[in-house]
Protein backbone atom coordinates (compact mmCIF):
# COMPACT_ATOMS: atom_id res chain seq x y z
CA UNK A 1 -62.43 -55.25 62.75
CA UNK A 2 -64.46 -56.53 65.67
CA UNK A 3 -68.02 -55.41 66.37
CA UNK A 4 -68.55 -53.61 69.66
CA UNK A 5 -71.26 -54.30 72.24
CA UNK A 6 -73.85 -51.54 72.11
CA UNK A 7 -76.59 -51.14 74.70
CA UNK A 8 -80.21 -50.84 73.69
CA UNK A 9 -80.37 -47.38 75.24
CA UNK A 10 -77.44 -46.24 73.06
CA UNK A 11 -79.26 -47.55 69.99
CA UNK A 12 -82.51 -45.82 70.97
CA UNK A 13 -80.79 -42.47 71.51
CA UNK A 14 -78.93 -42.82 68.21
CA UNK A 15 -82.11 -43.72 66.31
CA UNK A 16 -83.96 -40.71 67.74
CA UNK A 17 -81.05 -38.40 66.91
CA UNK A 18 -80.89 -39.82 63.40
CA UNK A 19 -84.61 -39.20 62.89
CA UNK A 20 -84.26 -35.63 64.22
CA UNK A 21 -81.48 -34.91 61.75
CA UNK A 22 -82.81 -36.81 58.73
CA UNK A 23 -86.59 -36.63 58.91
CA UNK A 24 -88.68 -39.49 57.57
CA UNK A 25 -86.45 -42.43 56.72
CA UNK A 26 -86.59 -46.17 56.14
CA UNK A 27 -85.67 -48.93 58.57
CA UNK A 28 -82.83 -49.91 56.24
CA UNK A 29 -81.36 -46.40 56.42
CA UNK A 30 -81.53 -46.48 60.21
CA UNK A 31 -79.86 -49.91 60.27
CA UNK A 32 -77.14 -48.65 57.90
CA UNK A 33 -76.55 -45.73 60.25
CA UNK A 34 -76.14 -48.02 63.28
CA UNK A 35 -73.77 -50.26 61.30
CA UNK A 36 -71.54 -47.28 60.51
CA UNK A 37 -71.81 -45.58 63.90
CA UNK A 38 -71.23 -48.62 66.10
CA UNK A 39 -69.41 -50.97 63.72
CA UNK A 40 -72.31 -53.41 64.00
CA UNK A 41 -73.14 -56.16 61.56
CA UNK A 42 -76.17 -55.44 59.41
CA UNK A 43 -77.58 -58.84 60.38
CA UNK A 44 -77.57 -57.66 64.00
CA UNK A 45 -78.57 -54.04 63.39
CA UNK A 46 -81.69 -54.68 61.30
CA UNK A 47 -83.54 -56.86 63.85
CA UNK A 48 -82.54 -54.42 66.61
CA UNK A 49 -83.94 -51.50 64.62
CA UNK A 50 -87.19 -53.35 63.95
CA UNK A 51 -87.58 -54.21 67.64
CA UNK A 52 -86.78 -50.67 68.81
CA UNK A 53 -89.03 -49.04 66.19
CA UNK A 54 -91.94 -51.28 67.20
CA UNK A 55 -91.36 -50.38 70.85
CA UNK A 56 -91.23 -46.65 70.08
CA UNK A 57 -94.40 -46.95 67.98
CA UNK A 58 -96.21 -48.58 70.93
CA UNK A 59 -95.17 -45.61 73.07
CA UNK A 60 -96.41 -43.27 70.30
CA UNK A 61 -92.99 -41.61 69.95
CA UNK A 62 -92.74 -42.37 66.25
CA UNK A 63 -95.13 -42.96 63.36
CA UNK A 64 -95.09 -44.60 59.98
CA UNK A 65 -95.56 -41.73 57.56
CA UNK A 66 -95.74 -43.57 54.25
CA UNK A 67 -93.45 -45.48 51.95
CA UNK A 68 -90.51 -44.63 49.73
CA UNK A 69 -90.15 -45.38 46.01
CA UNK A 70 -89.22 -49.00 46.77
CA UNK A 71 -92.19 -49.52 49.09
CA UNK A 72 -90.15 -49.43 52.30
CA UNK A 73 -91.91 -48.01 55.37
CA UNK A 74 -90.87 -44.48 56.28
CA UNK A 75 -90.53 -43.70 59.97
CA UNK A 76 -90.56 -40.27 61.63
CA UNK A 77 -90.90 -38.80 65.09
CA UNK A 78 -94.41 -38.08 66.35
């Protein structure tokens, strides 16, 4: 199955919706969600998530709220 081209704005909206529905979550969980939703490769989704999360943090739309049991950063909406 071929991966589809997904715009950054589609990814941003999907990430925000995912955070609304799932509360604090890790970057890996967000990347997994994009992989399933858009048929993306994980190797493409993870860097995109990191870039988008950093951008949203700069705009103070999201915060890091701690870590999970494995030490992964947890992200949530501000």
